[in-house]
Structure formats: structure tokens, C-alpha cells
Amino acid sequence: MINLLFLQISVFFSRDTNLETIILNAIDNAQKTIDISIYSFWGSPTADNIKNAIINAKNRGIRIRIIAENYIANSNSNSYPYISQIINSGIPVLFDSTTNIGYGCQYNSGYLNHQKFIVIDSQIVILGSFNLTYNALNVDANDLVIINDKNFANRFIKEFEMIWGGNGNIPNTSHCKFQNYKSNLGNNTFYYNTPIVDSMKVFFSPTGNTYNVLASLISKAQSSIYIALSKFTLCNYRDSLYPKKNFSYFVVDYGTWNDKPAMNIRGLNITPDPYCTNFPWQPPGNILLDNVPNNGLLHYKFAVFDRYIVLTGSMNWTFSGAYRNDEVVLVIYSNYIANKYFNEFSKRWQEAGGQSNTKEYINIKDGNLVIKNYKGSIEIYSIDGKLIRKVLINNDFQIKLQKGIYIVKAEKLRKFIVVP
């Protein structure tokens, strides 16, 4: 984890890291409270491990509150055995509809509690595209972001307790609110005076104007857009991306490959409908069908704009995602975090059969910064902004650095590197 003065942030991707272990460690290390929002929760041994960790936390005196999508309260659901055992252990669970187990909230719009987040000790927030399932954490392509910042966590607590109906240990079913019954609580922007993260914004569908958040990011992009999506059905986003088609790149899951936006971006003509006119791109856009190993889903909902802004979270690019479901959208303004997501996009792009569209010339080997086949000026800074070395390179360059995080500036590239 990277120490950023008042902020700690880590980003993990399931194809590289065991997300289950990260979640279990967070639950096991909780000292006082755990608040969880669940959409899906099944698959041995993962769901058993998480269920047991939650129950063990409750037994050692941790206050636990859970909000959940109501379909997992159905006895026919794969999630039912796990959530029912949690309820039977005495942990309160509030569902977004009246149910036969736990607590049910009648103040809902009939859509989904699709947000996925965990708040530990009112201090640490874990969010992303993942569900609490074996496939999501071990097979599919998902991201998980850990943010350690009390002010940021407090925004999630306020959202959680609005849904919960109060700040008590047990939900108040007279005041609980899901979906369009919720209010927009505002207080969405968090500024950080650090070299790595400039600021972050968080928004909650359907009352948090998440549609316009994404539309604005697309509109303002100047040089590059990299998009990895599980679902993409909103044609307005397709149309706003068209003027930027030459520098927009898409990897999408099979589940949306034949939806209208993806088909139109592929240049295909399909039957129009009242909700979405037909608009095939000519020439076709830069779009590939994912090829996640072991038949895994590309479950991401992220985009990287201008190698500086990352949009991620639980919201699919659909009408329901923006206007109906309970969702979380996180926007991070950071060259460092954007580079992590760009590298993940590049892996999935090449995995899908695409060619790398960037020339990476910076490598780290045995504590050395190595630059190959580069002509021009290079500046190396410490993480606190102190200039360490400025050099004009004609071909190759190598420098020994102490373990740590450095900033390398080369022409228009600003790249963070971690020396092992």
C-alpha cells in the first residue's frame, strides 16, 4: 500500500491478485465495525470463507451491518445458503424489498442493489466491480480498490445509513430507502495534496447524477480513452464517443458484444428500435471481444481518460445502471492510478488479440531504472517532488535507485515507477 500522507490507496486486479484473500484479511483485521453492500454471494469455497470470516468477526464483538439485493433472500438463489447462515448467526441484513428472512425495506423502486462495497472501522473503503462469489474473485476480470481515508469512508457511511434508515445496529424499516427513494447527499469531491492522487469523486446511482458524470468525462477527453466493459447498452454514450473514435479503444465482454452500441461500433447495421437509433460507425471503431482465460467474464466497468482520469465502480453503462439501480461510481484524478488501469487494459487488449498501441521504454531490473532506445530529455523525481537527475539520452540509460516510488518525466509522459 502506498502512503500518501492523508490517503492510502491500493488497486488490485483479479487476473493478477487473489481478491478473496484481500477481502478476508480486511474482515479479519476489523477492530470495531464492518458495513457491507452485497449484490451476489455464492460459490465454494469463496463464499464459505467470507461467510465464516463475517460470523467470526461478529463473534469477537465487531458490529456488522449488511444491505443486500433481495433476490439472494430467495431460497432458490445460489446465494441463499450463505446469507441465511449469516442471518441465523444474529447479523442484521436489510434487503431492498420485503422478504421472508432478515429485514425487508418497502421503500424501493423494484430495481437492483447492485453496489459492491465494504467499509471497515469507518476508515477503510473497499469497492470495485467484484461480487462476493468464487468466479468474481478467482476467475473473472474484476478490479478492487482499497481507500484508507476517514473523510472518504464517512461519505459511504452516510450513504449506507440513509439506506439503513438510521445509524443503529438494526435497520429502521420505517425510514430505509433504496434506489429512487434515496436523496442525493452531495459532498462528493475529496482533494489530496500528494504527488500521486490529486483528487477523487464518488457518486451513487440513481440519485447522484451518474449518467452526466460519465458523459462529461467523455466530452472533455482530449487524447485517449480506454474502456473495459461488461455491459454497454446506452446509445447516448456510443454517440458521444463517436467524435473521439480515433483515440478510443474498447474491450467488451461477450455479454454485450452483440448489443447495439458494440455492434454499431463494429460497423454493423442492425434493426433500430424506439429507444436507440441505429448508428453504425464507418470505418469501425477500435473494439475487441475479450478473451479472459477459463471462460471468465470481463466484468469491468472502467475507463481511463487522457491517461489521468479513471472511472470505475459497480455501474454498467446501461439505463438501469445510471437511472434505476443502487450503484457506486468512483472517479480518480491521478497519473499513477491511471497508469495502473491503463496497464490492465493493455493486458486485456492484447489478450483479446490486439497489438500494443504504446511504446514503453522504461523498465526496472534489480533496483535499476533502465531506459532503452530513447532520445530526449529525462527527469527523475522522488515521490516528494525533489529532482534527482536530469539527463539528455541519446539511446540507452541506466541508474541505480534506492527502493521507493519515483516520478519519471519524459517529454509528455509522466510515469510513476516503483523500484524493487
Protein backbone atom coordinates (compact mmCIF):
# COMPACT_ATOMS: atom_id res chain seq x y z
CA MET A 1 0.00 0.00 0.00
CA ILE A 2 1.30 3.45 -0.88
CA ASN A 3 1.48 6.03 1.89
CA LEU A 4 0.01 9.28 0.61
CA LEU A 5 0.11 11.44 3.74
CA PHE A 6 -3.63 11.61 4.49
CA LEU A 7 -4.57 8.94 1.98
CA GLN A 8 -3.69 5.33 1.37
CA ILE A 9 -4.89 3.74 -1.83
CA SER A 10 -4.28 0.38 -3.47
CA VAL A 11 -5.65 -1.06 -6.72
CA PHE A 12 -5.83 -4.79 -7.45
CA PHE A 13 -6.98 -6.81 -10.46
CA SER A 14 -8.28 -10.35 -10.11
CA ARG A 15 -6.22 -11.70 -13.02
CA ASP A 16 -3.06 -10.79 -11.09
CA THR A 17 -4.08 -10.97 -7.43
CA ASN A 18 -6.27 -13.16 -5.23
CA LEU A 19 -9.02 -10.72 -4.31
CA GLU A 20 -10.59 -13.21 -1.93
CA THR A 21 -7.51 -13.07 0.30
CA ILE A 22 -7.61 -9.27 0.34
CA ILE A 23 -11.25 -9.23 1.45
CA LEU A 24 -10.70 -11.92 4.09
CA ASN A 25 -7.72 -10.03 5.53
CA ALA A 26 -9.77 -6.82 5.74
CA ILE A 27 -12.61 -8.57 7.58
CA ASP A 28 -10.22 -10.42 9.91
CA ASN A 29 -8.38 -7.19 10.80
CA ALA A 30 -11.51 -5.15 11.56
CA GLN A 31 -11.44 -3.68 15.06
CA LYS A 32 -14.91 -2.19 15.56
CA THR A 33 -17.32 -2.17 12.61
CA ILE A 34 -17.99 -3.68 9.19
CA ASP A 35 -20.65 -2.33 6.81
CA ILE A 36 -21.23 -4.31 3.61
CA SER A 37 -23.33 -3.91 0.47
CA ILE A 38 -23.90 -7.21 -1.35
CA TYR A 39 -25.29 -7.96 -4.79
CA SER A 40 -24.27 -11.61 -5.21
CA PHE A 41 -22.70 -14.04 -2.71
CA TRP A 42 -22.08 -17.66 -3.65
CA GLY A 43 -19.56 -20.29 -4.78
CA SER A 44 -17.50 -22.60 -2.62
CA PRO A 45 -15.01 -22.30 -1.10
CA THR A 46 -15.00 -18.49 -1.50
CA ALA A 47 -18.48 -17.76 -0.16
CA ASP A 48 -17.93 -20.18 2.74
CA ASN A 49 -14.66 -18.46 3.63
CA ILE A 50 -16.18 -14.97 3.55
CA LYS A 51 -19.32 -16.08 5.41
CA ASN A 52 -17.19 -17.67 8.13
CA ALA A 53 -14.97 -14.60 8.40
CA ILE A 54 -18.04 -12.36 8.83
CA ILE A 55 -19.54 -14.63 11.50
CA ASN A 56 -16.19 -14.90 13.29
CA ALA A 57 -15.92 -11.10 13.29
CA LYS A 58 -19.37 -10.85 14.84
CA ASN A 59 -18.41 -13.40 17.49
CA ARG A 60 -15.37 -11.36 18.51
CA GLY A 61 -17.54 -8.28 19.07
CA ILE A 62 -17.40 -6.46 15.71
CA ARG A 63 -20.62 -4.63 14.80
CA ILE A 64 -21.70 -5.83 11.36
CA ARG A 65 -24.46 -4.39 9.16
CA ILE A 66 -25.30 -5.69 5.69
CA ILE A 67 -27.53 -4.37 2.91
CA ALA A 68 -28.29 -6.77 0.09
CA GLU A 69 -30.11 -7.35 -3.18
CA ASN A 70 -33.42 -9.08 -2.41
CA TYR A 71 -33.05 -11.91 -4.92
CA ILE A 72 -30.43 -13.57 -2.70
CA ALA A 73 -33.12 -13.95 0.00
CA ASN A 74 -34.95 -16.33 -2.33
CA SER A 75 -34.44 -19.94 -1.27
CA ASN A 76 -33.78 -20.87 -4.93
CA SER A 77 -30.84 -18.44 -5.15
CA ASN A 78 -27.27 -19.76 -5.10
CA SER A 79 -26.56 -17.05 -2.51
CA TYR A 80 -29.32 -18.12 -0.13
CA PRO A 81 -27.39 -20.75 1.89
CA TYR A 82 -24.66 -18.25 2.73
CA ILE A 83 -26.77 -15.19 3.51
CA SER A 84 -29.26 -17.25 5.55
CA GLN A 85 -26.45 -18.63 7.73
CA ILE A 86 -25.23 -15.08 8.34
CA ILE A 87 -28.74 -14.03 9.37
CA ASN A 88 -29.12 -17.09 11.59
CA SER A 89 -25.90 -16.12 13.37
CA GLY A 90 -27.57 -12.89 14.51
CA ILE A 91 -26.17 -10.47 11.95
CA PRO A 92 -28.78 -7.98 10.62
CA VAL A 93 -29.29 -7.94 6.84
CA LEU A 94 -31.54 -5.38 5.12
CA PHE A 95 -32.87 -6.38 1.70
CA ASP A 96 -34.13 -3.91 -0.92
CA SER A 97 -37.61 -5.43 -0.81
CA THR A 98 -39.80 -7.24 1.70
CA THR A 99 -38.55 -10.82 2.19
CA ASN A 100 -39.09 -13.92 4.31
CA ILE A 101 -35.69 -13.64 6.03
CA GLY A 102 -33.78 -10.75 7.52
CA TYR A 103 -35.22 -7.26 7.28
CA GLY A 104 -37.08 -6.02 4.19
CA CYS A 105 -37.40 -2.44 3.01
CA GLN A 106 -40.63 -1.46 1.29
CA TYR A 107 -39.19 1.88 0.09
CA ASN A 108 -37.63 0.78 -3.17
CA SER A 109 -38.24 1.19 -6.90
CA GLY A 110 -38.14 -2.50 -7.72
CA TYR A 111 -34.64 -2.45 -9.21
CA LEU A 112 -31.27 -3.73 -8.01
CA ASN A 113 -28.97 -3.11 -5.09
CA HIS A 114 -26.03 -3.59 -7.44
CA GLN A 115 -23.40 -1.64 -5.50
CA LYS A 116 -20.47 -3.58 -4.07
CA PHE A 117 -18.57 -2.06 -1.18
CA ILE A 118 -17.25 -2.79 2.30
CA VAL A 119 -16.43 -0.17 4.94
CA ILE A 120 -14.10 -1.26 7.74
CA ASP A 121 -13.95 0.68 11.04
CA SER A 122 -15.46 3.78 9.38
CA GLN A 123 -11.98 4.29 7.90
CA ILE A 124 -11.27 1.87 5.04
CA VAL A 125 -13.45 1.53 1.93
CA ILE A 126 -13.21 -1.45 -0.43
CA LEU A 127 -15.08 -1.09 -3.71
CA GLY A 128 -14.97 -2.13 -7.34
CA SER A 129 -16.64 -4.35 -9.89
CA PHE A 130 -16.35 -7.57 -7.85
CA ASN A 131 -19.12 -9.63 -6.29
CA LEU A 132 -18.59 -11.94 -3.31
CA THR A 133 -18.51 -15.06 -5.47
CA TYR A 134 -15.87 -17.63 -6.36
CA ASN A 135 -15.90 -16.69 -10.05
CA ALA A 136 -15.76 -12.95 -9.44
CA LEU A 137 -12.76 -13.13 -7.13
CA ASN A 138 -10.86 -16.00 -8.76
CA VAL A 139 -11.83 -16.41 -12.44
CA ASP A 140 -13.43 -13.29 -13.92
CA ALA A 141 -11.66 -10.00 -14.63
CA ASN A 142 -12.57 -7.60 -11.80
CA ASP A 143 -10.97 -4.68 -10.00
CA LEU A 144 -10.82 -3.90 -6.29
CA VAL A 145 -9.83 -0.53 -4.84
CA ILE A 146 -8.90 -0.03 -1.19
CA ILE A 147 -9.04 3.56 0.08
CA ASN A 148 -7.93 4.35 3.60
CA ASP A 149 -9.25 7.82 4.38
CA LYS A 150 -11.71 8.66 7.15
CA ASN A 151 -13.43 11.52 5.27
CA PHE A 152 -13.92 9.37 2.19
CA ALA A 153 -15.23 6.49 4.33
CA ASN A 154 -17.63 8.86 6.08
CA ARG A 155 -19.33 9.57 2.74
CA PHE A 156 -20.02 5.85 2.36
CA ILE A 157 -21.29 5.60 5.93
CA LYS A 158 -23.77 8.42 5.25
CA GLU A 159 -24.99 6.64 2.11
CA PHE A 160 -25.21 3.32 3.93
CA GLU A 161 -27.14 4.79 6.86
CA MET A 162 -29.57 6.59 4.55
CA ILE A 163 -30.37 3.19 3.07
CA TRP A 164 -30.31 1.55 6.53
CA GLY A 165 -32.76 4.12 7.89
CA GLY A 166 -30.51 5.40 10.66
CA ASN A 167 -27.25 4.84 12.50
CA GLY A 168 -28.38 1.98 14.71
CA ASN A 169 -27.20 -1.61 14.84
CA ILE A 170 -30.57 -2.76 13.46
CA PRO A 171 -32.12 -1.25 10.30
CA ASN A 172 -35.08 1.09 10.71
CA THR A 173 -37.56 -0.27 8.18
CA SER A 174 -39.78 2.79 8.60
CA HIS A 175 -37.04 5.09 7.26
CA CYS A 176 -34.94 2.83 4.99
CA LYS A 177 -34.52 4.00 1.37
CA PHE A 178 -33.30 2.24 -1.75
CA GLN A 179 -32.97 3.42 -5.34
CA ASN A 180 -35.05 6.47 -6.27
CA TYR A 181 -36.31 6.84 -2.70
CA LYS A 182 -32.80 7.97 -1.73
CA SER A 183 -31.67 11.59 -1.64
CA ASN A 184 -28.50 12.96 -3.24
CA LEU A 185 -26.34 13.68 -0.20
CA GLY A 186 -23.69 15.60 -2.16
CA ASN A 187 -20.21 16.07 -0.62
CA ASN A 188 -18.68 14.10 -3.46
CA THR A 189 -15.18 15.54 -4.01
CA PHE A 190 -12.08 14.82 -1.95
CA TYR A 191 -8.81 16.69 -2.54
CA TYR A 192 -5.37 15.35 -1.69
CA ASN A 193 -2.18 17.39 -1.66
CA THR A 194 0.02 14.47 -2.70
CA PRO A 195 2.25 13.70 -5.71
CA ILE A 196 0.18 10.60 -6.60
CA VAL A 197 -3.53 11.39 -6.22
CA ASP A 198 -4.85 14.87 -6.93
CA SER A 199 -8.48 14.24 -6.07
CA MET A 200 -11.30 11.69 -6.05
CA LYS A 201 -15.03 11.91 -6.56
CA VAL A 202 -17.71 9.40 -5.62
CA PHE A 203 -21.30 9.24 -6.85
CA PHE A 204 -24.21 6.94 -6.11
CA SER A 205 -26.90 5.94 -8.60
CA PRO A 206 -29.70 6.52 -9.22
CA THR A 207 -29.96 9.90 -7.49
CA GLY A 208 -26.33 11.01 -7.85
CA ASN A 209 -26.38 12.15 -11.50
CA THR A 210 -24.01 9.37 -12.53
CA TYR A 211 -25.12 9.49 -16.16
CA ASN A 212 -23.86 13.05 -16.54
CA VAL A 213 -20.65 12.27 -14.65
CA LEU A 214 -19.62 9.80 -17.33
CA ALA A 215 -21.00 11.89 -20.19
CA SER A 216 -18.89 14.84 -19.04
CA LEU A 217 -15.70 12.76 -18.86
CA ILE A 218 -16.26 11.52 -22.42
CA SER A 219 -16.97 15.03 -23.66
CA LYS A 220 -13.81 16.50 -22.13
CA ALA A 221 -11.37 13.77 -23.19
CA GLN A 222 -8.65 15.17 -25.44
CA SER A 223 -6.15 12.47 -26.34
CA SER A 224 -7.09 8.92 -25.26
CA ILE A 225 -9.96 6.82 -23.91
CA TYR A 226 -9.50 3.18 -22.88
CA ILE A 227 -12.70 1.34 -21.94
CA ALA A 228 -13.23 -2.17 -20.47
CA LEU A 229 -16.89 -3.11 -20.01
CA SER A 230 -19.15 -5.95 -19.02
CA LYS A 231 -22.34 -4.26 -20.28
CA PHE A 232 -22.77 -1.33 -22.67
CA THR A 233 -26.30 -0.57 -23.92
CA LEU A 234 -26.66 3.23 -23.62
CA CYS A 235 -26.56 4.57 -27.17
CA ASN A 236 -26.02 8.15 -26.00
CA TYR A 237 -22.56 7.13 -24.78
CA ARG A 238 -21.92 5.46 -28.14
CA ASP A 239 -22.79 8.69 -29.93
CA SER A 240 -20.71 10.95 -27.67
CA LEU A 241 -17.73 8.65 -28.20
CA TYR A 242 -18.01 8.78 -32.00
CA PRO A 243 -16.18 12.14 -32.46
CA LYS A 244 -13.35 10.65 -30.40
CA LYS A 245 -13.29 7.30 -32.21
CA ASN A 246 -9.72 7.68 -33.45
CA PHE A 247 -8.33 7.61 -29.93
CA SER A 248 -10.97 5.43 -28.21
CA TYR A 249 -10.32 1.74 -27.54
CA PHE A 250 -12.85 -0.81 -26.23
CA VAL A 251 -12.59 -4.31 -24.82
CA VAL A 252 -16.04 -5.71 -24.01
CA ASP A 253 -17.42 -8.93 -22.62
CA TYR A 254 -19.32 -11.41 -24.77
CA GLY A 255 -22.46 -10.46 -22.81
CA THR A 256 -22.52 -7.06 -24.57
CA TRP A 257 -20.62 -7.86 -27.80
CA ASN A 258 -23.90 -8.20 -29.70
CA ASP A 259 -25.72 -5.32 -28.02
CA LYS A 260 -26.46 -2.37 -30.29
CA PRO A 261 -23.65 0.01 -29.19
CA ALA A 262 -20.92 -2.63 -29.59
CA MET A 263 -22.35 -3.81 -32.92
CA ASN A 264 -22.55 -0.25 -34.23
CA ILE A 265 -19.00 0.50 -33.10
CA ARG A 266 -18.01 -2.65 -35.04
CA GLY A 267 -19.61 -1.01 -38.09
CA LEU A 268 -22.59 -3.36 -38.22
CA ASN A 269 -26.08 -2.27 -39.30
CA ILE A 270 -28.86 -3.65 -37.13
CA THR A 271 -32.58 -3.06 -36.74
CA PRO A 272 -33.37 0.24 -34.98
CA ASP A 273 -35.72 0.38 -32.03
CA PRO A 274 -37.63 3.21 -30.32
CA TYR A 275 -35.04 3.53 -27.57
CA CYS A 276 -31.87 3.57 -29.65
CA THR A 277 -31.46 4.60 -33.27
CA ASN A 278 -29.10 2.64 -35.48
CA PHE A 279 -25.70 4.31 -36.00
CA PRO A 280 -23.01 2.02 -37.45
CA TRP A 281 -19.51 3.54 -37.29
CA GLN A 282 -17.68 3.80 -40.59
CA PRO A 283 -14.90 2.94 -40.52
CA PRO A 284 -15.46 0.70 -37.50
CA GLY A 285 -14.07 1.71 -34.13
CA ASN A 286 -11.26 0.08 -32.17
CA ILE A 287 -13.22 -2.61 -30.36
CA LEU A 288 -12.34 -6.19 -29.41
CA LEU A 289 -14.18 -9.10 -27.81
CA ASP A 290 -12.48 -10.17 -24.59
CA ASN A 291 -10.65 -13.46 -24.23
CA VAL A 292 -10.38 -13.91 -20.46
CA PRO A 293 -8.92 -17.39 -19.73
CA ASN A 294 -11.03 -20.22 -18.31
CA ASN A 295 -14.20 -18.73 -19.82
CA GLY A 296 -14.04 -15.89 -17.35
CA LEU A 297 -16.16 -12.78 -17.69
CA LEU A 298 -14.72 -9.39 -18.42
CA HIS A 299 -16.71 -7.85 -15.57
CA TYR A 300 -15.06 -4.41 -15.54
CA LYS A 301 -16.88 -1.09 -15.64
CA PHE A 302 -13.85 1.15 -16.03
CA ALA A 303 -12.49 3.76 -18.39
CA VAL A 304 -9.23 5.72 -18.47
CA PHE A 305 -9.35 9.24 -19.90
CA ASP A 306 -6.22 11.03 -21.13
CA ARG A 307 -4.01 8.71 -19.03
CA TYR A 308 -5.02 10.78 -15.99
CA ILE A 309 -8.66 10.13 -15.01
CA VAL A 310 -10.05 6.72 -14.01
CA LEU A 311 -13.75 5.95 -13.78
CA THR A 312 -14.61 2.67 -12.06
CA GLY A 313 -17.08 1.10 -9.63
CA SER A 314 -20.18 -1.05 -9.98
CA MET A 315 -22.18 0.83 -12.64
CA ASN A 316 -22.64 -0.81 -16.02
CA TRP A 317 -23.07 1.60 -18.95
CA THR A 318 -26.79 0.91 -19.12
CA PHE A 319 -30.00 2.82 -18.48
CA SER A 320 -30.65 0.80 -15.33
CA GLY A 321 -27.12 1.38 -14.11
CA ALA A 322 -27.44 5.14 -14.41
CA TYR A 323 -31.10 5.70 -13.58
CA ARG A 324 -32.55 2.73 -11.66
CA ASN A 325 -30.13 0.63 -9.61
CA ASP A 326 -28.17 1.40 -6.47
CA GLU A 327 -24.62 1.80 -7.81
CA VAL A 328 -21.26 3.31 -6.90
CA VAL A 329 -19.16 5.35 -9.34
CA LEU A 330 -15.62 6.36 -8.37
CA VAL A 331 -13.57 8.91 -10.32
CA ILE A 332 -9.84 9.18 -9.53
CA TYR A 333 -7.63 12.00 -10.84
CA SER A 334 -4.16 10.51 -10.77
CA ASN A 335 -1.45 9.75 -13.34
CA TYR A 336 -0.26 6.92 -11.11
CA ILE A 337 -3.63 5.15 -10.73
CA ALA A 338 -4.49 5.82 -14.38
CA ASN A 339 -1.27 4.10 -15.38
CA LYS A 340 -2.26 1.02 -13.36
CA TYR A 341 -5.64 0.84 -15.12
CA PHE A 342 -4.07 1.53 -18.49
CA ASN A 343 -1.64 -1.36 -17.97
CA GLU A 344 -4.55 -3.63 -17.06
CA PHE A 345 -6.45 -2.51 -20.15
CA SER A 346 -3.37 -3.22 -22.28
CA LYS A 347 -3.17 -6.78 -20.91
CA ARG A 348 -6.82 -7.46 -21.75
CA TRP A 349 -6.45 -5.73 -25.15
CA GLN A 350 -3.52 -7.92 -26.13
CA GLU A 351 -5.21 -10.99 -24.64
CA ALA A 352 -8.15 -10.25 -26.98
CA GLY A 353 -5.80 -10.22 -29.98
CA GLY A 354 -4.93 -6.53 -30.17
CA GLN A 355 -1.50 -5.06 -30.66
CA SER A 356 0.09 -2.78 -28.11
CA ASN A 357 -0.51 0.82 -29.18
CA THR A 358 2.11 2.33 -26.90
CA LYS A 359 5.88 2.23 -26.80
CA GLU A 360 7.01 1.51 -23.27
CA TYR A 361 10.71 2.12 -22.86
CA ILE A 362 11.08 2.27 -19.08
CA ASN A 363 11.94 -0.92 -17.21
CA ILE A 364 13.03 -1.81 -13.69
CA LYS A 365 15.56 -4.56 -13.09
CA ASP A 366 17.34 -5.35 -9.81
CA GLY A 367 16.77 -1.87 -8.43
CA ASN A 368 17.95 -0.15 -11.61
CA LEU A 369 15.93 2.23 -13.75
CA VAL A 370 16.66 1.15 -17.33
CA ILE A 371 15.68 3.23 -20.38
CA LYS A 372 16.16 1.69 -23.82
CA ASN A 373 16.07 3.12 -27.35
CA TYR A 374 15.12 6.63 -26.32
CA LYS A 375 16.37 10.00 -27.47
CA GLY A 376 15.49 13.07 -25.45
CA SER A 377 15.44 14.60 -22.01
CA ILE A 378 14.59 12.56 -18.90
CA GLU A 379 13.87 13.95 -15.44
CA ILE A 380 13.71 11.71 -12.36
CA TYR A 381 12.00 12.95 -9.20
CA SER A 382 11.48 11.47 -5.75
CA ILE A 383 7.92 10.95 -4.60
CA ASP A 384 8.04 14.26 -2.69
CA GLY A 385 8.91 16.12 -5.89
CA LYS A 386 12.68 16.54 -5.41
CA LEU A 387 14.67 16.43 -8.67
CA ILE A 388 17.16 13.56 -8.52
CA ARG A 389 18.58 13.55 -12.02
CA LYS A 390 18.08 15.32 -15.32
CA VAL A 391 19.85 13.84 -18.30
CA LEU A 392 19.78 14.03 -22.11
CA ILE A 393 19.71 10.50 -23.51
CA ASN A 394 20.88 9.57 -26.98
CA ASN A 395 20.00 5.86 -26.82
CA ASP A 396 20.21 3.87 -23.55
CA PHE A 397 20.44 4.96 -19.91
CA GLN A 398 20.64 3.20 -16.55
CA ILE A 399 20.69 4.48 -12.96
CA LYS A 400 20.77 2.72 -9.59
CA LEU A 401 17.97 3.91 -7.27
CA GLN A 402 17.09 3.15 -3.67
CA LYS A 403 13.87 1.24 -3.05
CA GLY A 404 10.88 3.54 -3.38
CA ILE A 405 8.48 5.34 -5.70
CA TYR A 406 9.78 7.79 -8.31
CA ILE A 407 8.34 10.05 -10.96
CA VAL A 408 9.89 9.94 -14.42
CA LYS A 409 9.11 12.77 -16.83
CA ALA A 410 9.95 12.20 -20.46
CA GLU A 411 8.53 14.69 -22.97
CA LYS A 412 4.74 14.48 -22.39
CA LEU A 413 4.91 11.23 -20.43
CA ARG A 414 4.66 11.37 -16.66
CA LYS A 415 5.21 7.89 -15.32
CA PHE A 416 5.38 6.63 -11.73
CA ILE A 417 7.76 3.77 -11.16
CA VAL A 418 8.31 1.53 -8.14
CA VAL A 419 11.87 0.38 -7.60
CA PRO A 420 12.01 -3.11 -6.03
